[in-house]
Amino acid sequence: MKLIVFLSLFLISLGIPFPKTKPGENEPEIFLFPVSFAGKTGYIDSTGNLHIDYIFDAGKNFSEGKAAVKMGGKWGFIDTSGKIVIALQYDFAADFHAGQALVGINDRYGFIDKNGTALTGMDFDYGSYFSTGFALVRINGRYNYIDTLGNFLFPDIIQYGEDFRCGLAYIQEINSHGYIDRTGNVVIKLEPGLYGSSFGDSMAVVSNEEGLFGYIGMDGKIRIPIQYLGANSFFDGLAGVLAGKKWGFIDKQGIMAISPQFDDIWFFHSNVCWVMKNGKWGLIGKNGEYLIDSLFDGVSPVFEEGWCCVRMGNLYHIVNTRGEYLIKDLEEPASFFHGLASCRKNGSSFYIDSNGTVVFEMRD
């Protein structure tokens, strides 16, 4: 079953970075970037000036005005002045998203707010980002949802759940499958033998016990018949479907917009999509015409700030939608984040801007 829920795992297998999250809307537009020297991490600004000295053992990107840093084997958070504002005490720390961050101690996880106040105990073996006010958590192999105050949505844990999308979340219990709203009420109950997935563009993929796929609307009614051997979520008004041995794209009326001809596909984003033929990836527009020929062995699924990382053999390149190269022959995958991309080539690590100009070269 090819569903978007497996996206991050597939990206990791390709060695391509997944797009990074963006800071909160109310945060000041200050973006700093981690750099290393002599085994220590500091931060530069977008012009390449050192803003925070090399004092940390490791550091992550800033998100919502804070960055996770590591010293003495423990993670905490700094602000854009370099001040430690949440104490170094965690074995794991994720980025802030919607005002909360997932942190962990001894392989157990919980959430904190931007003041470092614990929203929950270290009660979970998994936690997702918050989406429409809730985060999905896993507790001893089962699931629940918490709100931004740390309150559980359900009094009891459930067998399985997915993140909220379009205001609804897909859940499973032993004898029932369906969708809940943000109050926890089941608003769509699937018929026995049907299985769902998260909504995208107000449509959700469903499958039956014969392994065929179709789509429902947000009223729970079948909108596109269950007939395909595989199906992806809708993005930009189109969804990939497997008809026979090839993938094509349908619109939201179920009309085949791009005929089945591809061996594999990603999804449309900003009106373009990577597709594979004969083991190579190329880029098409929504009319199905090629913008970039099938040249690449691996690709990141989306263009970040107009650029995308692609792979040929063991080397990586950054291209735009016209197939123009910004930089070639990188040793590691790279993607843009607020105007800069971290690159490694010929044994050297450096940041480039969107013109391909090196703004900072890291020292050994």
Protein backbone atom coordinates (compact mmCIF):
# COMPACT_ATOMS: atom_id res chain seq x y z
CA MET A 1 0.00 0.00 0.00
CA LYS A 2 1.58 3.25 -1.13
CA LEU A 3 0.42 6.05 1.13
CA ILE A 4 1.90 9.39 2.13
CA VAL A 5 2.19 8.14 5.73
CA PHE A 6 5.38 6.34 4.60
CA LEU A 7 6.91 9.50 3.07
CA SER A 8 9.59 10.18 5.67
CA LEU A 9 10.83 6.60 5.70
CA PHE A 10 11.19 6.58 1.90
CA LEU A 11 13.07 9.89 1.95
CA ILE A 12 15.53 8.52 4.48
CA SER A 13 16.13 5.47 2.30
CA LEU A 14 17.00 7.74 -0.64
CA GLY A 15 19.34 9.87 1.41
CA ILE A 16 17.23 12.96 0.60
CA PRO A 17 16.28 15.45 3.35
CA PHE A 18 12.65 15.97 4.21
CA PRO A 19 11.45 19.60 4.06
CA LYS A 20 11.99 21.44 7.34
CA THR A 21 9.28 23.10 9.39
CA LYS A 22 8.91 26.87 9.43
CA PRO A 23 8.92 29.19 12.45
CA GLY A 24 5.72 30.36 14.10
CA GLU A 25 3.89 33.27 12.54
CA ASN A 26 4.36 35.50 15.60
CA GLU A 27 8.12 35.00 15.88
CA PRO A 28 10.58 37.72 14.79
CA GLU A 29 12.19 37.14 11.42
CA ILE A 30 15.61 36.19 12.80
CA PHE A 31 17.12 33.13 11.17
CA LEU A 32 20.41 31.63 12.31
CA PHE A 33 22.23 28.62 10.92
CA PRO A 34 24.39 26.02 12.72
CA VAL A 35 28.09 25.85 11.80
CA SER A 36 30.93 23.76 13.21
CA PHE A 37 34.60 24.31 14.04
CA ALA A 38 36.99 22.01 15.96
CA GLY A 39 34.13 19.76 17.02
CA LYS A 40 31.98 22.59 18.37
CA THR A 41 28.81 24.21 16.99
CA GLY A 42 27.97 27.89 16.69
CA TYR A 43 25.52 29.91 14.58
CA ILE A 44 25.84 32.38 11.70
CA ASP A 45 23.34 34.84 10.29
CA SER A 46 22.19 34.87 6.66
CA THR A 47 25.16 37.00 5.59
CA GLY A 48 27.70 34.55 7.00
CA ASN A 49 28.63 36.54 10.12
CA LEU A 50 29.23 34.51 13.26
CA HIS A 51 26.35 35.35 15.61
CA ILE A 52 26.78 32.72 18.37
CA ASP A 53 30.24 31.39 19.21
CA TYR A 54 31.40 27.78 18.88
CA ILE A 55 30.53 26.46 22.34
CA PHE A 56 28.01 23.66 21.81
CA ASP A 57 28.66 19.98 21.13
CA ALA A 58 25.78 19.90 18.62
CA GLY A 59 22.95 22.16 17.48
CA LYS A 60 19.83 22.08 15.35
CA ASN A 61 18.08 24.71 13.22
CA PHE A 62 16.15 27.51 14.89
CA SER A 63 12.39 27.11 14.98
CA GLU A 64 10.03 29.64 16.54
CA GLY A 65 12.94 31.59 17.96
CA LYS A 66 14.67 28.68 19.70
CA ALA A 67 17.18 26.00 18.76
CA ALA A 68 17.95 22.69 20.44
CA VAL A 69 21.62 22.45 21.47
CA LYS A 70 23.68 19.75 23.15
CA MET A 71 26.38 20.10 25.81
CA GLY A 72 27.75 17.48 28.16
CA GLY A 73 25.56 14.79 26.64
CA LYS A 74 22.27 16.63 27.28
CA TRP A 75 19.98 18.73 25.08
CA GLY A 76 18.35 22.03 25.93
CA PHE A 77 17.30 25.18 24.03
CA ILE A 78 18.86 28.56 23.30
CA ASP A 79 17.36 31.81 22.04
CA THR A 80 18.78 33.87 19.16
CA SER A 81 21.24 35.61 21.50
CA GLY A 82 22.80 32.24 22.35
CA LYS A 83 21.45 32.23 25.91
CA ILE A 84 20.34 28.86 27.28
CA VAL A 85 16.67 29.44 28.03
CA ILE A 86 15.59 25.83 28.63
CA ALA A 87 18.05 23.84 30.71
CA LEU A 88 20.29 21.12 29.29
CA GLN A 89 18.52 18.07 30.67
CA TYR A 90 17.12 15.95 27.84
CA ASP A 91 18.42 12.93 25.92
CA PHE A 92 16.37 14.05 22.90
CA ALA A 93 14.89 17.36 21.76
CA ALA A 94 12.83 18.11 18.63
CA ASP A 95 12.09 21.50 17.09
CA PHE A 96 9.35 23.75 18.45
CA HIS A 97 6.17 23.61 16.42
CA ALA A 98 2.99 25.54 17.28
CA GLY A 99 4.58 26.50 20.61
CA GLN A 100 5.43 22.98 21.80
CA ALA A 101 8.43 20.68 21.48
CA LEU A 102 8.79 16.95 21.99
CA VAL A 103 11.60 16.05 24.40
CA GLY A 104 12.82 12.73 25.76
CA ILE A 105 14.62 11.14 28.70
CA ASN A 106 15.58 7.45 28.79
CA ASP A 107 13.57 6.65 25.63
CA ARG A 108 10.37 8.11 27.07
CA TYR A 109 8.91 11.30 25.63
CA GLY A 110 6.77 14.26 26.58
CA PHE A 111 6.02 17.85 25.56
CA ILE A 112 7.20 21.20 26.87
CA ASP A 113 6.12 24.74 26.04
CA LYS A 114 8.42 27.61 25.03
CA ASN A 115 9.07 28.49 28.67
CA GLY A 116 10.31 24.96 29.31
CA THR A 117 7.21 24.10 31.34
CA ALA A 118 6.23 20.45 31.06
CA LEU A 119 2.84 19.98 29.40
CA THR A 120 2.97 16.25 30.05
CA GLY A 121 5.10 13.75 31.90
CA MET A 122 7.61 11.56 30.05
CA ASP A 123 4.76 9.15 29.38
CA PHE A 124 4.96 8.39 25.66
CA ASP A 125 6.96 6.16 23.34
CA TYR A 126 6.09 8.43 20.38
CA GLY A 127 4.76 11.92 19.78
CA SER A 128 3.95 13.88 16.60
CA TYR A 129 3.91 17.60 15.88
CA PHE A 130 0.76 19.45 16.89
CA SER A 131 -1.76 19.79 14.07
CA THR A 132 -4.99 21.80 14.42
CA GLY A 133 -4.49 21.88 18.18
CA PHE A 134 -3.68 18.21 18.83
CA ALA A 135 -0.67 15.92 18.80
CA LEU A 136 -0.85 12.18 18.28
CA VAL A 137 0.93 10.18 20.99
CA ARG A 138 1.65 6.49 21.42
CA ILE A 139 1.50 4.87 24.83
CA ASN A 140 2.77 1.30 25.13
CA GLY A 141 1.84 0.56 21.52
CA ARG A 142 -1.58 2.22 21.58
CA TYR A 143 -2.63 5.79 20.77
CA ASN A 144 -4.35 8.93 22.03
CA TYR A 145 -4.36 12.66 21.30
CA ILE A 146 -3.34 15.52 23.58
CA ASP A 147 -4.24 19.19 23.27
CA THR A 148 -1.87 22.14 23.82
CA LEU A 149 -2.65 22.06 27.56
CA GLY A 150 -1.62 18.41 27.82
CA ASN A 151 -5.18 17.09 28.18
CA PHE A 152 -6.11 13.77 26.57
CA LEU A 153 -8.84 13.77 23.96
CA PHE A 154 -10.01 10.27 24.89
CA PRO A 155 -10.34 8.83 28.41
CA ASP A 156 -8.91 5.53 27.12
CA ILE A 157 -6.17 4.82 24.59
CA ILE A 158 -7.16 3.53 21.14
CA GLN A 159 -5.74 0.85 18.87
CA TYR A 160 -4.45 3.20 16.15
CA GLY A 161 -4.66 6.84 15.09
CA GLU A 162 -3.31 9.30 12.52
CA ASP A 163 -2.70 13.04 12.67
CA PHE A 164 -5.54 15.53 12.16
CA ARG A 165 -5.88 16.71 8.57
CA CYS A 166 -8.69 18.95 7.29
CA GLY A 167 -10.08 18.94 10.85
CA LEU A 168 -10.52 15.16 11.00
CA ALA A 169 -8.35 12.25 12.14
CA TYR A 170 -8.55 8.60 11.13
CA ILE A 171 -8.71 6.10 14.01
CA GLN A 172 -9.08 2.36 14.38
CA GLU A 173 -10.50 0.24 17.12
CA ILE A 174 -10.76 -3.54 17.11
CA ASN A 175 -14.14 -3.70 15.39
CA SER A 176 -14.53 -0.25 13.89
CA HIS A 177 -12.75 2.31 11.69
CA GLY A 178 -13.64 5.92 11.11
CA TYR A 179 -12.88 9.60 11.52
CA ILE A 180 -13.18 11.83 14.57
CA ASP A 181 -13.50 15.59 14.81
CA ARG A 182 -11.62 17.80 17.27
CA THR A 183 -14.12 17.02 20.04
CA GLY A 184 -13.40 13.29 19.75
CA ASN A 185 -16.78 12.47 18.22
CA VAL A 186 -16.91 9.91 15.41
CA VAL A 187 -18.29 11.84 12.43
CA ILE A 188 -17.55 9.24 9.73
CA LYS A 189 -17.92 5.55 10.43
CA LEU A 190 -16.53 3.37 7.66
CA GLU A 191 -18.37 0.28 6.55
CA PRO A 192 -16.96 -3.07 7.73
CA GLY A 193 -14.06 -4.11 5.52
CA LEU A 194 -13.05 -0.56 4.62
CA TYR A 195 -9.87 1.09 5.87
CA GLY A 196 -9.03 4.78 5.73
CA SER A 197 -6.15 7.25 5.79
CA SER A 198 -5.66 10.94 6.47
CA PHE A 199 -7.57 13.51 4.42
CA GLY A 200 -5.83 15.68 1.82
CA ASP A 201 -7.58 18.33 -0.27
CA SER A 202 -10.86 17.27 1.43
CA MET A 203 -10.56 13.69 0.08
CA ALA A 204 -9.22 10.57 1.76
CA VAL A 205 -7.93 7.29 0.38
CA VAL A 206 -9.88 4.22 1.46
CA SER A 207 -9.16 0.58 0.73
CA ASN A 208 -11.03 -2.70 0.96
CA GLU A 209 -9.98 -6.19 2.00
CA GLU A 210 -9.23 -7.09 -1.64
CA GLY A 211 -6.48 -4.46 -1.68
CA LEU A 212 -8.25 -1.99 -3.97
CA PHE A 213 -8.33 1.76 -3.38
CA GLY A 214 -10.72 4.66 -3.89
CA TYR A 215 -11.65 7.96 -2.24
CA ILE A 216 -14.27 9.36 0.12
CA GLY A 217 -15.32 12.96 0.71
CA MET A 218 -15.57 14.65 4.09
CA ASP A 219 -19.16 13.46 4.37
CA GLY A 220 -17.90 9.87 4.29
CA LYS A 221 -19.48 9.07 0.92
CA ILE A 222 -17.55 7.31 -1.83
CA ARG A 223 -16.53 10.00 -4.34
CA ILE A 224 -14.22 7.94 -6.55
CA PRO A 225 -14.96 4.20 -6.84
CA ILE A 226 -12.73 1.68 -5.11
CA GLN A 227 -10.96 0.27 -8.15
CA TYR A 228 -7.25 1.11 -8.12
CA LEU A 229 -4.32 -1.11 -7.11
CA GLY A 230 -2.74 1.83 -5.29
CA ALA A 231 -3.60 5.43 -4.46
CA ASN A 232 -2.00 8.53 -2.94
CA SER A 233 -3.58 11.53 -1.26
CA PHE A 234 -4.71 14.56 -3.27
CA PHE A 235 -2.27 17.47 -3.57
CA ASP A 236 -2.78 20.48 -5.83
CA GLY A 237 -6.06 18.95 -7.00
CA LEU A 238 -4.53 15.73 -8.37
CA ALA A 239 -3.85 12.30 -6.88
CA GLY A 240 -1.63 9.49 -8.06
CA VAL A 241 -3.33 6.15 -8.72
CA LEU A 242 -1.98 2.76 -9.78
CA ALA A 243 -3.98 1.43 -12.74
CA GLY A 244 -2.61 -1.92 -13.85
CA LYS A 245 1.17 -1.73 -13.53
CA LYS A 246 1.55 2.02 -14.05
CA TRP A 247 0.85 5.18 -12.08
CA GLY A 248 -1.17 8.09 -13.41
CA PHE A 249 -3.07 11.04 -11.93
CA ILE A 250 -6.78 11.67 -11.47
CA ASP A 251 -8.65 14.87 -10.64
CA LYS A 252 -11.22 15.19 -7.85
CA GLN A 253 -14.01 14.07 -10.18
CA GLY A 254 -12.14 10.81 -10.77
CA ILE A 255 -11.22 11.72 -14.37
CA MET A 256 -7.78 10.52 -15.46
CA ALA A 257 -5.90 13.80 -15.97
CA ILE A 258 -2.49 12.23 -16.76
CA SER A 259 -2.57 8.74 -18.22
CA PRO A 260 -0.96 5.82 -16.36
CA GLN A 261 2.61 5.59 -17.67
CA PHE A 262 4.94 5.94 -14.70
CA ASP A 263 6.77 3.30 -12.67
CA ASP A 264 6.67 5.41 -9.52
CA ILE A 265 5.59 8.92 -8.52
CA TRP A 266 5.76 11.50 -5.79
CA PHE A 267 2.97 14.09 -5.49
CA PHE A 268 2.17 17.47 -6.99
CA HIS A 269 3.45 20.50 -5.12
CA SER A 270 3.37 24.02 -6.57
CA ASN A 271 2.07 22.52 -9.83
CA VAL A 272 5.00 20.15 -10.46
CA CYS A 273 5.64 16.49 -9.63
CA TRP A 274 8.55 14.07 -9.83
CA VAL A 275 7.78 10.84 -11.73
CA MET A 276 9.88 7.77 -12.52
CA LYS A 277 10.30 5.88 -15.79
CA ASN A 278 12.81 3.10 -16.35
CA GLY A 279 14.42 3.71 -12.98
CA LYS A 280 15.03 7.45 -13.49
CA TRP A 281 13.17 10.46 -12.11
CA GLY A 282 11.95 13.40 -14.19
CA LEU A 283 9.71 16.40 -13.49
CA ILE A 284 6.29 17.02 -15.05
CA GLY A 285 3.72 19.82 -14.91
CA LYS A 286 -0.02 19.39 -14.39
CA ASN A 287 -0.53 18.92 -18.12
CA GLY A 288 1.71 15.84 -17.95
CA GLU A 289 4.45 17.37 -20.09
CA TYR A 290 8.06 16.98 -18.98
CA LEU A 291 9.84 20.01 -17.56
CA ILE A 292 12.98 17.99 -16.75
CA ASP A 293 13.81 14.74 -18.53
CA SER A 294 14.17 11.46 -16.62
CA LEU A 295 17.76 11.81 -15.43
CA PHE A 296 17.98 11.27 -11.69
CA ASP A 297 18.39 8.27 -9.38
CA GLY A 298 16.75 10.02 -6.43
CA VAL A 299 14.91 13.26 -5.73
CA SER A 300 13.51 15.25 -2.85
CA PRO A 301 9.72 15.41 -3.39
CA VAL A 302 9.31 19.20 -3.22
CA PHE A 303 11.11 22.36 -4.28
CA GLU A 304 12.18 24.47 -1.30
CA GLU A 305 12.54 28.18 -2.10
CA GLY A 306 12.61 27.33 -5.80
CA TRP A 307 15.30 24.64 -5.57
CA CYS A 308 15.33 20.86 -5.19
CA CYS A 309 18.00 18.31 -4.30
CA VAL A 310 18.47 15.44 -6.78
CA ARG A 311 20.85 12.49 -6.90
CA MET A 312 22.83 10.98 -9.77
CA GLY A 313 24.83 7.97 -8.66
CA ASN A 314 26.44 8.86 -5.33
CA LEU A 315 26.49 12.61 -5.89
CA TYR A 316 23.85 15.27 -5.25
CA HIS A 317 22.92 18.39 -7.19
CA ILE A 318 20.53 21.32 -6.66
CA VAL A 319 18.23 22.20 -9.57
CA ASN A 320 15.26 24.46 -10.29
CA THR A 321 12.06 23.55 -12.16
CA ARG A 322 13.70 24.45 -15.48
CA GLY A 323 16.43 21.89 -14.88
CA GLU A 324 19.09 24.55 -14.32
CA TYR A 325 21.81 23.56 -11.86
CA LEU A 326 22.73 25.83 -8.96
CA ILE A 327 25.52 23.55 -7.74
CA LYS A 328 26.71 20.06 -8.71
CA ASP A 329 28.59 17.09 -7.26
CA LEU A 330 27.77 17.44 -3.58
CA GLU A 331 28.75 14.62 -1.25
CA GLU A 332 25.59 14.92 0.85
CA PRO A 333 21.97 15.94 0.21
CA ALA A 334 21.16 19.63 0.70
CA SER A 335 18.06 21.82 0.83
CA PHE A 336 17.32 25.51 1.31
CA PHE A 337 16.14 26.86 4.62
CA HIS A 338 15.39 30.59 4.85
CA GLY A 339 17.73 31.52 2.03
CA LEU A 340 20.74 29.28 2.70
CA ALA A 341 21.65 25.67 1.92
CA SER A 342 24.25 23.66 3.83
CA CYS A 343 26.50 21.81 1.36
CA ARG A 344 29.48 19.48 1.38
CA LYS A 345 31.82 19.11 -1.62
CA ASN A 346 35.40 17.91 -2.04
CA GLY A 347 35.67 17.35 1.70
CA SER A 348 34.61 20.91 2.61
CA SER A 349 31.35 22.08 4.21
CA PHE A 350 29.83 25.47 3.45
CA TYR A 351 26.62 27.46 3.06
CA ILE A 352 25.45 28.90 -0.25
CA ASP A 353 22.71 31.41 -1.01
CA SER A 354 20.10 31.16 -3.77
CA ASN A 355 22.59 32.60 -6.27
CA GLY A 356 25.05 29.80 -5.55
CA THR A 357 27.44 32.19 -3.78
CA VAL A 358 29.36 30.74 -0.82
CA VAL A 359 28.50 32.90 2.18
CA PHE A 360 30.31 30.82 4.82
CA GLU A 361 32.90 28.05 4.67
CA MET A 362 33.29 25.88 7.73
CA ARG A 363 36.74 25.21 9.11
CA ASP A 364 38.01 21.85 10.36
